[in-house]
Amino acid sequence: MSNKRRMAGVTLIELVVAMVIVGIALAGLVTVYNRASIASTDPLITQQMLAIGETMMEEVMLKPYAGNNARESVRAQYDELDDYEKYLKQAVTDVDGNAIAGLERYQVGVTVGPSLQPLPGVQPADVKRIVVTVWNGEQNLVLTGWRTRP
């Protein structure tokens, strides 16, 4: 009677197959990680664009519905909604026109005009539509608001 023992362990082929499977899994994880790290700056830029847009929208919405009907040329002198009617794509500045550090890559524009859709219970002549657009290169963000005559 022979007393042979079977040796326990892995063969070279099993080891190579395991290494290939682990390598494929790691390659997939690295690809996902790379995409996530590239896209991680996009939310920051979008959040900054949203903050700029909301600030400009608030500035416009706080102006009186109607004023002296004279179109002011300097933003610090704007005294009614319609003064922003053609505030076209411009660098982000404070009200006095001073550049804001860190926002050089962004631009903002405002249009004010009649509402394109009726609001329930409000005469069309008493509604103005405000559109604030913020740009950062090819990316843009649009905020729309409505203001009614008091």
Protein backbone atom coordinates (compact mmCIF):
# COMPACT_ATOMS: atom_id res chain seq x y z
CA MET A 1 0.00 0.00 0.00
CA SER A 2 1.36 3.26 -1.00
CA ASN A 3 1.23 6.14 1.35
CA LYS A 4 1.22 9.11 -1.03
CA ARG A 5 0.06 12.45 0.11
CA ARG A 6 -1.54 14.92 -2.17
CA MET A 7 0.23 18.26 -2.04
CA ALA A 8 -1.95 21.27 -1.23
CA GLY A 9 -1.47 24.66 -2.92
CA VAL A 10 -2.06 26.48 -6.18
CA THR A 11 -0.65 25.77 -9.54
CA LEU A 12 1.12 28.30 -11.64
CA ILE A 13 -1.86 28.55 -14.02
CA GLU A 14 -4.28 29.24 -11.16
CA LEU A 15 -1.98 31.97 -9.87
CA VAL A 16 -1.75 33.64 -13.30
CA VAL A 17 -5.55 33.53 -13.75
CA ALA A 18 -6.05 35.12 -10.32
CA MET A 19 -3.54 37.87 -11.16
CA VAL A 20 -5.34 38.63 -14.44
CA ILE A 21 -8.72 38.89 -12.67
CA VAL A 22 -7.31 41.22 -9.98
CA GLY A 23 -5.56 43.30 -12.67
CA ILE A 24 -8.79 43.77 -14.65
CA ALA A 25 -10.66 44.75 -11.48
CA LEU A 26 -7.99 47.30 -10.53
CA ALA A 27 -7.98 48.76 -14.05
CA GLY A 28 -11.74 49.31 -13.79
CA LEU A 29 -11.40 50.98 -10.39
CA VAL A 30 -8.63 53.28 -11.62
CA THR A 31 -10.78 54.33 -14.59
CA VAL A 32 -13.73 55.17 -12.32
CA TYR A 33 -11.48 57.03 -9.89
CA ASN A 34 -9.91 59.02 -12.73
CA ARG A 35 -13.31 60.07 -14.09
CA ALA A 36 -14.49 61.05 -10.62
CA SER A 37 -11.43 63.19 -9.95
CA ILE A 38 -11.76 64.96 -13.32
CA ALA A 39 -15.45 65.69 -12.75
CA SER A 40 -14.95 66.83 -9.15
CA THR A 41 -14.14 70.41 -10.22
CA ASP A 42 -17.38 70.77 -12.20
CA PRO A 43 -19.63 71.01 -9.10
CA LEU A 44 -17.38 73.73 -7.68
CA ILE A 45 -17.60 75.78 -10.88
CA THR A 46 -21.35 75.25 -11.10
CA GLN A 47 -21.78 76.28 -7.45
CA GLN A 48 -19.75 79.45 -8.09
CA MET A 49 -21.83 80.23 -11.18
CA LEU A 50 -25.02 79.73 -9.15
CA ALA A 51 -23.78 82.09 -6.42
CA ILE A 52 -22.95 84.77 -9.02
CA GLY A 53 -26.33 84.33 -10.72
CA GLU A 54 -28.31 84.43 -7.47
CA THR A 55 -26.46 87.56 -6.34
CA MET A 56 -27.20 89.33 -9.61
CA MET A 57 -30.83 88.16 -9.59
CA GLU A 58 -31.26 89.49 -6.06
CA GLU A 59 -29.75 92.84 -7.07
CA VAL A 60 -32.15 93.14 -10.00
CA MET A 61 -35.21 91.95 -8.06
CA LEU A 62 -34.59 94.52 -5.31
CA LYS A 63 -34.91 97.41 -7.75
CA PRO A 64 -38.30 99.15 -8.06
CA TYR A 65 -40.58 97.87 -10.80
CA ALA A 66 -40.65 101.30 -12.43
CA GLY A 67 -38.53 104.39 -11.96
CA ASN A 68 -37.71 107.57 -13.85
CA ASN A 69 -37.78 105.75 -17.25
CA ALA A 70 -34.31 107.10 -18.08
CA ARG A 71 -31.86 104.39 -19.10
CA GLU A 72 -28.87 104.78 -16.83
CA SER A 73 -25.50 103.83 -18.30
CA VAL A 74 -23.67 103.07 -15.04
CA ARG A 75 -24.83 100.12 -12.97
CA ALA A 76 -24.40 102.03 -9.70
CA GLN A 77 -27.09 104.45 -10.93
CA TYR A 78 -29.64 101.81 -11.99
CA ASP A 79 -32.89 102.70 -10.26
CA GLU A 80 -35.43 100.37 -11.91
CA LEU A 81 -35.78 96.95 -13.50
CA ASP A 82 -35.67 98.22 -17.07
CA ASP A 83 -32.18 99.66 -16.55
CA TYR A 84 -30.91 96.07 -16.66
CA GLU A 85 -32.71 95.42 -19.95
CA LYS A 86 -29.50 95.21 -21.95
CA TYR A 87 -26.90 94.33 -19.36
CA LEU A 88 -25.10 92.08 -21.80
CA LYS A 89 -22.32 89.58 -21.21
CA GLN A 90 -19.81 91.39 -18.96
CA ALA A 91 -17.10 90.55 -16.49
CA VAL A 92 -18.30 89.99 -12.93
CA THR A 93 -17.89 93.23 -10.98
CA ASP A 94 -19.36 94.89 -7.94
CA VAL A 95 -21.99 97.61 -8.37
CA ASP A 96 -19.30 100.28 -8.78
CA GLY A 97 -17.64 98.36 -11.62
CA ASN A 98 -14.64 97.07 -9.65
CA ALA A 99 -13.42 93.60 -10.64
CA ILE A 100 -13.90 90.91 -8.01
CA ALA A 101 -10.76 88.89 -7.31
CA GLY A 102 -11.04 85.22 -8.23
CA LEU A 103 -13.99 85.70 -10.60
CA GLU A 104 -12.04 86.81 -13.67
CA ARG A 105 -13.07 83.70 -15.65
CA TYR A 106 -16.80 84.35 -15.18
CA GLN A 107 -19.14 86.65 -17.07
CA VAL A 108 -22.74 87.63 -16.35
CA GLY A 109 -25.57 89.11 -18.39
CA VAL A 110 -29.14 90.20 -17.62
CA THR A 111 -32.18 90.68 -19.82
CA VAL A 112 -35.47 92.16 -18.66
CA GLY A 113 -38.55 92.04 -20.81
CA PRO A 114 -42.19 91.07 -20.97
CA SER A 115 -43.17 87.66 -19.67
CA LEU A 116 -43.49 85.05 -22.41
CA GLN A 117 -46.00 83.05 -20.39
CA PRO A 118 -49.01 84.40 -18.53
CA LEU A 119 -49.09 84.28 -14.77
CA PRO A 120 -52.48 83.38 -13.25
CA GLY A 121 -54.40 86.41 -12.02
CA VAL A 122 -51.87 88.97 -13.28
CA GLN A 123 -52.25 91.23 -16.29
CA PRO A 124 -49.51 90.61 -18.90
CA ALA A 125 -48.53 94.30 -18.82
CA ASP A 126 -47.83 93.99 -15.08
CA VAL A 127 -45.25 91.20 -15.37
CA LYS A 128 -41.58 91.40 -16.29
CA ARG A 129 -39.36 88.40 -16.93
CA ILE A 130 -35.79 88.60 -15.66
CA VAL A 131 -33.15 86.26 -17.10
CA VAL A 132 -29.67 86.15 -15.56
CA THR A 133 -27.03 84.16 -17.45
CA VAL A 134 -23.59 83.32 -16.06
CA TRP A 135 -20.77 82.01 -18.29
CA ASN A 136 -17.53 80.24 -17.55
CA GLY A 137 -15.92 79.42 -20.88
CA GLU A 138 -18.30 77.14 -22.79
CA GLN A 139 -20.40 76.38 -19.70
CA ASN A 140 -23.37 78.58 -18.82
CA LEU A 141 -26.08 78.75 -16.18
CA VAL A 142 -29.44 80.49 -16.65
CA LEU A 143 -31.74 81.73 -13.87
CA THR A 144 -35.21 83.08 -14.67
CA GLY A 145 -37.42 85.14 -12.39
CA TRP A 146 -40.63 87.13 -12.70
CA ARG A 147 -41.47 90.44 -11.10
CA THR A 148 -44.97 91.89 -10.92
CA ARG A 149 -46.06 95.48 -10.57
CA PRO A 150 -47.00 96.16 -6.93
